[in-house]
Amino acid sequence: TDGQYIIPYHDGLHTQLLAVWEKSVLATHFFLKPGDLAAIRELVQEIDFNHFQVYCLLEQTTLAGFIGVLHRKVEMLFLAPDYFRMGLGRKLMDFAINVLDANKVDVNEQNAAAVQFYQSLGFTVYERTDRDDQGYEYPLLRMRLTD
């Protein structure tokens, strides 16, 4: 659509990006315990997003969502709730797959909508963990793109 474009992350977008992350998590990660959310928020605030291939989807000048890839793995995909169900997650994933050559993603098992979304794009589960990468008791499904 007109007025939507994907640009590389730069530090001028940091405040908007953190706001999108927070709103997205609050709208989708109902399973997070409040204390864990606070701790994870602190971790996210420490991330240097320049260390990843991070791309932001802008609607005019508003950051609607972002995706981050490292070593061909989608490490982050978040959309502002106002932009849910408009095909923007798919647009960012298509970009990651076709431009950044991404072929893997980890997803919280309890985030059923996200699991279904990745399955609809052709990802299948190849491993399950009992805890996430930070050691919290949120099982992860490790998924990869299958032909």
N, C-alpha and C. Protein backbone atom coordinates (compact mmCIF):
# COMPACT_ATOMS: atom_id res chain seq x y z
N THR A 1 0.84 -1.20 0.00
CA THR A 1 0.00 0.00 0.00
C THR A 1 0.87 1.24 0.00
N ASP A 2 0.30 2.35 -0.47
CA ASP A 2 1.02 3.61 -0.50
C ASP A 2 1.34 4.07 0.92
N GLY A 3 2.50 4.66 1.07
CA GLY A 3 2.87 5.19 2.37
C GLY A 3 3.48 4.18 3.31
N GLN A 4 3.61 2.92 2.85
CA GLN A 4 4.27 1.90 3.67
C GLN A 4 5.60 1.57 3.07
N TYR A 5 6.64 1.60 3.89
CA TYR A 5 7.93 1.19 3.37
C TYR A 5 8.80 0.62 4.47
N ILE A 6 9.75 -0.21 4.06
CA ILE A 6 10.66 -0.89 4.99
C ILE A 6 12.02 -0.22 4.87
N ILE A 7 12.55 0.22 6.00
CA ILE A 7 13.87 0.86 6.02
C ILE A 7 14.76 0.20 7.07
N PRO A 8 16.08 0.30 6.90
CA PRO A 8 16.97 -0.22 7.93
C PRO A 8 16.80 0.58 9.22
N TYR A 9 16.91 -0.11 10.34
CA TYR A 9 16.86 0.53 11.66
C TYR A 9 17.98 1.55 11.79
N HIS A 10 17.66 2.66 12.48
CA HIS A 10 18.71 3.59 12.94
C HIS A 10 18.29 4.08 14.32
N ASP A 11 19.25 4.59 15.08
CA ASP A 11 18.99 4.91 16.49
C ASP A 11 17.91 5.97 16.68
N GLY A 12 17.63 6.75 15.65
CA GLY A 12 16.54 7.72 15.73
C GLY A 12 15.18 7.07 15.90
N LEU A 13 15.09 5.77 15.60
CA LEU A 13 13.83 5.02 15.72
C LEU A 13 13.73 4.26 17.05
N HIS A 14 14.75 4.37 17.89
CA HIS A 14 14.84 3.53 19.09
C HIS A 14 13.63 3.67 20.01
N THR A 15 13.22 4.91 20.31
CA THR A 15 12.10 5.13 21.23
C THR A 15 10.81 4.52 20.67
N GLN A 16 10.54 4.77 19.38
CA GLN A 16 9.34 4.20 18.75
C GLN A 16 9.41 2.67 18.74
N LEU A 17 10.60 2.13 18.47
CA LEU A 17 10.76 0.67 18.40
C LEU A 17 10.45 0.04 19.76
N LEU A 18 10.97 0.61 20.84
CA LEU A 18 10.70 0.06 22.17
C LEU A 18 9.21 0.17 22.51
N ALA A 19 8.57 1.24 22.08
CA ALA A 19 7.13 1.41 22.34
C ALA A 19 6.33 0.35 21.59
N VAL A 20 6.71 0.08 20.34
CA VAL A 20 6.03 -0.97 19.55
C VAL A 20 6.24 -2.33 20.21
N TRP A 21 7.48 -2.60 20.64
CA TRP A 21 7.76 -3.88 21.31
C TRP A 21 6.83 -4.07 22.50
N GLU A 22 6.77 -3.04 23.35
CA GLU A 22 5.97 -3.13 24.58
C GLU A 22 4.49 -3.34 24.28
N LYS A 23 3.93 -2.54 23.38
CA LYS A 23 2.50 -2.67 23.05
C LYS A 23 2.21 -4.04 22.45
N SER A 24 3.10 -4.51 21.60
CA SER A 24 2.92 -5.80 20.94
C SER A 24 2.93 -6.93 21.96
N VAL A 25 3.91 -6.89 22.86
CA VAL A 25 4.02 -7.95 23.88
C VAL A 25 2.80 -7.93 24.79
N LEU A 26 2.37 -6.75 25.21
CA LEU A 26 1.20 -6.67 26.10
C LEU A 26 -0.05 -7.21 25.42
N ALA A 27 -0.13 -7.07 24.09
CA ALA A 27 -1.31 -7.51 23.35
C ALA A 27 -1.28 -9.00 22.98
N THR A 28 -0.10 -9.63 23.08
CA THR A 28 0.00 -11.01 22.57
C THR A 28 0.56 -12.01 23.57
N HIS A 29 1.38 -11.56 24.52
CA HIS A 29 2.08 -12.49 25.41
C HIS A 29 1.36 -12.56 26.77
N PHE A 30 0.09 -13.00 26.72
CA PHE A 30 -0.73 -13.05 27.94
C PHE A 30 -0.14 -13.98 28.98
N PHE A 31 0.71 -14.90 28.54
CA PHE A 31 1.25 -15.93 29.43
C PHE A 31 2.41 -15.42 30.29
N LEU A 32 2.95 -14.24 30.00
CA LEU A 32 4.10 -13.73 30.76
C LEU A 32 3.67 -13.32 32.17
N LYS A 33 4.46 -13.74 33.15
CA LYS A 33 4.22 -13.28 34.52
C LYS A 33 4.71 -11.83 34.61
N PRO A 34 3.98 -10.97 35.34
CA PRO A 34 4.33 -9.55 35.40
C PRO A 34 5.79 -9.29 35.78
N GLY A 35 6.32 -10.01 36.75
CA GLY A 35 7.72 -9.82 37.15
C GLY A 35 8.67 -10.16 36.01
N ASP A 36 8.33 -11.20 35.26
CA ASP A 36 9.17 -11.60 34.13
C ASP A 36 9.11 -10.54 33.03
N LEU A 37 7.91 -9.98 32.81
CA LEU A 37 7.77 -8.94 31.79
C LEU A 37 8.69 -7.76 32.11
N ALA A 38 8.72 -7.35 33.37
CA ALA A 38 9.57 -6.23 33.78
C ALA A 38 11.04 -6.55 33.52
N ALA A 39 11.46 -7.77 33.85
CA ALA A 39 12.86 -8.17 33.66
C ALA A 39 13.20 -8.23 32.17
N ILE A 40 12.27 -8.76 31.37
CA ILE A 40 12.50 -8.88 29.93
C ILE A 40 12.55 -7.48 29.30
N ARG A 41 11.68 -6.57 29.79
CA ARG A 41 11.69 -5.19 29.30
C ARG A 41 13.08 -4.57 29.51
N GLU A 42 13.65 -4.81 30.68
CA GLU A 42 14.99 -4.26 30.96
C GLU A 42 16.02 -4.84 30.00
N LEU A 43 15.93 -6.14 29.72
CA LEU A 43 16.86 -6.76 28.76
C LEU A 43 16.72 -6.12 27.39
N VAL A 44 15.47 -5.92 26.95
CA VAL A 44 15.22 -5.37 25.62
C VAL A 44 15.76 -3.94 25.53
N GLN A 45 15.63 -3.19 26.62
CA GLN A 45 16.13 -1.81 26.60
C GLN A 45 17.65 -1.76 26.46
N GLU A 46 18.32 -2.85 26.83
CA GLU A 46 19.79 -2.91 26.73
C GLU A 46 20.29 -3.33 25.35
N ILE A 47 19.40 -3.89 24.53
CA ILE A 47 19.81 -4.42 23.23
C ILE A 47 20.33 -3.31 22.33
N ASP A 48 21.45 -3.56 21.70
CA ASP A 48 21.91 -2.66 20.64
C ASP A 48 21.37 -3.24 19.33
N PHE A 49 20.33 -2.63 18.83
CA PHE A 49 19.65 -3.16 17.64
C PHE A 49 20.52 -3.07 16.39
N ASN A 50 21.62 -2.34 16.48
CA ASN A 50 22.55 -2.27 15.34
C ASN A 50 23.33 -3.57 15.16
N HIS A 51 23.29 -4.46 16.16
CA HIS A 51 24.01 -5.73 16.07
C HIS A 51 23.24 -6.78 15.27
N PHE A 52 22.01 -6.46 14.93
CA PHE A 52 21.16 -7.37 14.15
C PHE A 52 20.87 -6.70 12.81
N GLN A 53 20.34 -7.48 11.89
CA GLN A 53 19.78 -6.90 10.67
C GLN A 53 18.34 -6.54 11.05
N VAL A 54 18.16 -5.30 11.50
CA VAL A 54 16.84 -4.86 11.93
C VAL A 54 16.25 -3.92 10.88
N TYR A 55 15.03 -4.21 10.48
CA TYR A 55 14.33 -3.39 9.50
C TYR A 55 12.99 -2.99 10.07
N CYS A 56 12.62 -1.74 9.81
CA CYS A 56 11.40 -1.17 10.36
C CYS A 56 10.40 -0.91 9.25
N LEU A 57 9.16 -1.25 9.51
CA LEU A 57 8.09 -0.97 8.56
C LEU A 57 7.41 0.31 9.02
N LEU A 58 7.49 1.33 8.17
CA LEU A 58 6.88 2.61 8.49
C LEU A 58 5.59 2.79 7.69
N GLU A 59 4.61 3.37 8.37
CA GLU A 59 3.36 3.80 7.73
C GLU A 59 3.47 5.32 7.80
N GLN A 60 3.77 5.95 6.67
CA GLN A 60 4.16 7.37 6.65
C GLN A 60 5.39 7.53 7.56
N THR A 61 5.22 8.20 8.71
CA THR A 61 6.38 8.38 9.61
C THR A 61 6.24 7.55 10.89
N THR A 62 5.16 6.78 10.97
CA THR A 62 4.90 5.99 12.18
C THR A 62 5.50 4.59 12.03
N LEU A 63 6.25 4.17 13.04
CA LEU A 63 6.81 2.82 13.04
C LEU A 63 5.67 1.84 13.38
N ALA A 64 5.28 1.04 12.40
CA ALA A 64 4.17 0.09 12.59
C ALA A 64 4.67 -1.25 13.10
N GLY A 65 5.91 -1.60 12.77
CA GLY A 65 6.46 -2.88 13.19
C GLY A 65 7.91 -2.99 12.79
N PHE A 66 8.56 -4.06 13.29
CA PHE A 66 9.96 -4.27 12.96
C PHE A 66 10.31 -5.74 13.00
N ILE A 67 11.38 -6.06 12.31
CA ILE A 67 11.87 -7.44 12.27
C ILE A 67 13.38 -7.40 12.43
N GLY A 68 13.92 -8.39 13.14
CA GLY A 68 15.36 -8.47 13.33
C GLY A 68 15.86 -9.87 13.03
N VAL A 69 16.92 -9.95 12.23
CA VAL A 69 17.48 -11.23 11.81
C VAL A 69 18.96 -11.28 12.19
N LEU A 70 19.39 -12.44 12.65
CA LEU A 70 20.80 -12.68 12.94
C LEU A 70 21.12 -14.10 12.50
N HIS A 71 22.15 -14.26 11.69
CA HIS A 71 22.54 -15.58 11.19
C HIS A 71 21.35 -16.34 10.60
N ARG A 72 20.61 -15.65 9.75
CA ARG A 72 19.47 -16.23 9.02
C ARG A 72 18.30 -16.63 9.92
N LYS A 73 18.33 -16.23 11.20
CA LYS A 73 17.23 -16.56 12.10
C LYS A 73 16.49 -15.28 12.49
N VAL A 74 15.17 -15.33 12.36
CA VAL A 74 14.35 -14.21 12.80
C VAL A 74 14.38 -14.19 14.33
N GLU A 75 15.00 -13.16 14.88
CA GLU A 75 15.14 -13.05 16.34
C GLU A 75 14.04 -12.19 16.95
N MET A 76 13.39 -11.37 16.12
CA MET A 76 12.32 -10.51 16.62
C MET A 76 11.40 -10.11 15.48
N LEU A 77 10.12 -10.12 15.77
CA LEU A 77 9.10 -9.63 14.84
C LEU A 77 7.98 -9.09 15.71
N PHE A 78 7.79 -7.79 15.67
CA PHE A 78 6.77 -7.16 16.50
C PHE A 78 6.03 -6.10 15.70
N LEU A 79 4.72 -6.08 15.88
CA LEU A 79 3.87 -5.08 15.24
C LEU A 79 3.08 -4.35 16.32
N ALA A 80 2.85 -3.05 16.11
CA ALA A 80 1.94 -2.32 16.99
C ALA A 80 0.54 -2.91 16.82
N PRO A 81 -0.20 -3.09 17.91
CA PRO A 81 -1.53 -3.72 17.82
C PRO A 81 -2.47 -3.04 16.82
N ASP A 82 -2.33 -1.74 16.63
CA ASP A 82 -3.17 -1.04 15.64
C ASP A 82 -2.97 -1.61 14.24
N TYR A 83 -1.87 -2.30 14.03
CA TYR A 83 -1.53 -2.80 12.69
C TYR A 83 -1.66 -4.32 12.57
N PHE A 84 -2.25 -4.95 13.60
CA PHE A 84 -2.45 -6.40 13.53
C PHE A 84 -3.43 -6.72 12.40
N ARG A 85 -3.28 -7.91 11.82
CA ARG A 85 -4.21 -8.46 10.83
C ARG A 85 -4.36 -7.61 9.59
N MET A 86 -3.27 -6.94 9.20
CA MET A 86 -3.29 -6.13 7.98
C MET A 86 -2.24 -6.62 6.97
N GLY A 87 -1.66 -7.78 7.25
CA GLY A 87 -0.68 -8.34 6.32
C GLY A 87 0.74 -7.80 6.50
N LEU A 88 0.96 -6.99 7.54
CA LEU A 88 2.29 -6.37 7.72
C LEU A 88 3.31 -7.36 8.27
N GLY A 89 2.86 -8.27 9.12
CA GLY A 89 3.77 -9.31 9.61
C GLY A 89 4.25 -10.17 8.46
N ARG A 90 3.34 -10.49 7.57
CA ARG A 90 3.68 -11.29 6.38
C ARG A 90 4.64 -10.48 5.49
N LYS A 91 4.38 -9.19 5.35
CA LYS A 91 5.24 -8.34 4.52
C LYS A 91 6.67 -8.32 5.09
N LEU A 92 6.79 -8.19 6.42
CA LEU A 92 8.11 -8.19 7.05
C LEU A 92 8.78 -9.56 6.93
N MET A 93 8.00 -10.63 7.08
CA MET A 93 8.57 -11.97 6.95
C MET A 93 9.00 -12.24 5.51
N ASP A 94 8.20 -11.81 4.53
CA ASP A 94 8.59 -11.99 3.13
C ASP A 94 9.93 -11.28 2.88
N PHE A 95 10.07 -10.08 3.44
CA PHE A 95 11.32 -9.32 3.30
C PHE A 95 12.48 -10.11 3.93
N ALA A 96 12.25 -10.63 5.15
CA ALA A 96 13.32 -11.36 5.85
C ALA A 96 13.72 -12.61 5.08
N ILE A 97 12.74 -13.32 4.53
CA ILE A 97 13.01 -14.57 3.82
C ILE A 97 13.67 -14.29 2.47
N ASN A 98 13.13 -13.34 1.74
CA ASN A 98 13.59 -13.11 0.36
C ASN A 98 14.81 -12.20 0.25
N VAL A 99 14.94 -11.24 1.16
CA VAL A 99 16.05 -10.29 1.09
C VAL A 99 17.18 -10.66 2.05
N LEU A 100 16.81 -11.08 3.27
CA LEU A 100 17.82 -11.39 4.28
C LEU A 100 18.12 -12.88 4.37
N ASP A 101 17.41 -13.68 3.58
CA ASP A 101 17.65 -15.13 3.51
C ASP A 101 17.38 -15.84 4.83
N ALA A 102 16.44 -15.32 5.60
CA ALA A 102 16.09 -15.95 6.88
C ALA A 102 15.36 -17.27 6.63
N ASN A 103 15.65 -18.27 7.46
CA ASN A 103 14.97 -19.56 7.30
C ASN A 103 14.64 -20.23 8.64
N LYS A 104 14.84 -19.51 9.75
CA LYS A 104 14.54 -20.09 11.06
C LYS A 104 13.87 -19.04 11.95
N VAL A 105 13.14 -19.52 12.93
CA VAL A 105 12.53 -18.63 13.93
C VAL A 105 12.25 -19.46 15.18
N ASP A 106 12.37 -18.82 16.33
CA ASP A 106 11.92 -19.43 17.58
C ASP A 106 10.65 -18.71 17.99
N VAL A 107 9.67 -19.47 18.48
CA VAL A 107 8.40 -18.84 18.87
C VAL A 107 7.95 -19.44 20.20
N ASN A 108 7.37 -18.59 21.07
CA ASN A 108 6.83 -19.09 22.33
C ASN A 108 5.69 -20.04 22.02
N GLU A 109 5.78 -21.25 22.57
CA GLU A 109 4.75 -22.26 22.33
C GLU A 109 3.37 -21.74 22.76
N GLN A 110 3.34 -20.92 23.81
CA GLN A 110 2.06 -20.43 24.34
C GLN A 110 1.45 -19.34 23.46
N ASN A 111 2.22 -18.81 22.51
CA ASN A 111 1.71 -17.78 21.61
C ASN A 111 1.14 -18.47 20.36
N ALA A 112 -0.05 -19.03 20.55
CA ALA A 112 -0.64 -19.90 19.51
C ALA A 112 -0.83 -19.17 18.18
N ALA A 113 -1.22 -17.90 18.23
CA ALA A 113 -1.43 -17.14 16.99
C ALA A 113 -0.14 -17.03 16.20
N ALA A 114 0.98 -16.80 16.91
CA ALA A 114 2.27 -16.68 16.24
C ALA A 114 2.69 -18.03 15.64
N VAL A 115 2.47 -19.11 16.38
CA VAL A 115 2.81 -20.44 15.87
C VAL A 115 2.06 -20.69 14.57
N GLN A 116 0.76 -20.39 14.57
CA GLN A 116 -0.07 -20.58 13.36
C GLN A 116 0.42 -19.70 12.22
N PHE A 117 0.78 -18.47 12.55
CA PHE A 117 1.27 -17.53 11.53
C PHE A 117 2.51 -18.10 10.84
N TYR A 118 3.48 -18.56 11.62
CA TYR A 118 4.71 -19.09 11.01
C TYR A 118 4.43 -20.37 10.23
N GLN A 119 3.51 -21.20 10.73
CA GLN A 119 3.14 -22.41 10.00
C GLN A 119 2.52 -22.04 8.65
N SER A 120 1.73 -20.96 8.62
CA SER A 120 1.07 -20.55 7.38
C SER A 120 2.10 -20.09 6.35
N LEU A 121 3.29 -19.70 6.82
CA LEU A 121 4.37 -19.26 5.92
C LEU A 121 5.29 -20.42 5.51
N GLY A 122 4.99 -21.62 6.01
CA GLY A 122 5.77 -22.79 5.63
C GLY A 122 6.82 -23.23 6.63
N PHE A 123 6.79 -22.66 7.84
CA PHE A 123 7.74 -23.07 8.88
C PHE A 123 7.19 -24.29 9.61
N THR A 124 8.09 -25.21 9.96
CA THR A 124 7.69 -26.39 10.74
C THR A 124 8.62 -26.51 11.95
N VAL A 125 8.09 -27.10 13.00
CA VAL A 125 8.84 -27.26 14.25
C VAL A 125 9.88 -28.36 14.10
N TYR A 126 11.12 -28.08 14.50
CA TYR A 126 12.13 -29.13 14.50
C TYR A 126 12.68 -29.40 15.89
N GLU A 127 12.33 -28.56 16.87
CA GLU A 127 12.81 -28.77 18.23
C GLU A 127 11.92 -28.00 19.19
N ARG A 128 11.82 -28.50 20.43
CA ARG A 128 11.08 -27.80 21.48
C ARG A 128 11.98 -27.70 22.70
N THR A 129 11.95 -26.54 23.36
CA THR A 129 12.71 -26.37 24.59
C THR A 129 11.74 -26.15 25.75
N ASP A 130 12.16 -26.48 26.96
CA ASP A 130 11.31 -26.24 28.13
C ASP A 130 11.37 -24.80 28.59
N ARG A 131 12.48 -24.12 28.27
CA ARG A 131 12.68 -22.74 28.71
C ARG A 131 13.10 -21.89 27.52
N ASP A 132 12.90 -20.58 27.67
CA ASP A 132 13.35 -19.69 26.60
C ASP A 132 14.86 -19.45 26.74
N ASP A 133 15.41 -18.67 25.83
CA ASP A 133 16.87 -18.49 25.79
C ASP A 133 17.39 -17.71 27.00
N GLN A 134 16.49 -17.02 27.72
CA GLN A 134 16.90 -16.29 28.93
C GLN A 134 16.73 -17.17 30.18
N GLY A 135 16.25 -18.40 29.98
CA GLY A 135 16.11 -19.31 31.12
C GLY A 135 14.74 -19.26 31.79
N TYR A 136 13.83 -18.44 31.26
CA TYR A 136 12.48 -18.40 31.82
C TYR A 136 11.70 -19.64 31.38
N GLU A 137 10.70 -20.02 32.21
CA GLU A 137 9.94 -21.24 31.94
C GLU A 137 8.83 -21.00 30.93
N TYR A 138 9.24 -20.56 29.74
CA TYR A 138 8.31 -20.40 28.62
C TYR A 138 8.86 -21.25 27.48
N PRO A 139 8.21 -22.39 27.21
CA PRO A 139 8.72 -23.29 26.16
C PRO A 139 8.80 -22.59 24.80
N LEU A 140 9.86 -22.89 24.08
CA LEU A 140 10.04 -22.37 22.73
C LEU A 140 9.87 -23.49 21.72
N LEU A 141 9.30 -23.13 20.59
CA LEU A 141 9.31 -24.02 19.43
C LEU A 141 10.33 -23.43 18.46
N ARG A 142 11.32 -24.23 18.11
CA ARG A 142 12.28 -23.80 17.11
C ARG A 142 11.74 -24.29 15.76
N MET A 143 11.58 -23.35 14.84
CA MET A 143 10.95 -23.66 13.57
C MET A 143 11.88 -23.32 12.42
N ARG A 144 11.72 -24.04 11.32
CA ARG A 144 12.50 -23.70 10.13
C ARG A 144 11.62 -23.81 8.91
N LEU A 145 12.06 -23.10 7.88
CA LEU A 145 11.34 -23.09 6.62
C LEU A 145 11.61 -24.39 5.90
N THR A 146 10.53 -25.04 5.48
CA THR A 146 10.70 -26.29 4.74
C THR A 146 10.15 -26.07 3.34
N ASP A 147 10.79 -26.67 2.38
CA ASP A 147 10.38 -26.47 0.98
C ASP A 147 9.10 -27.23 0.68
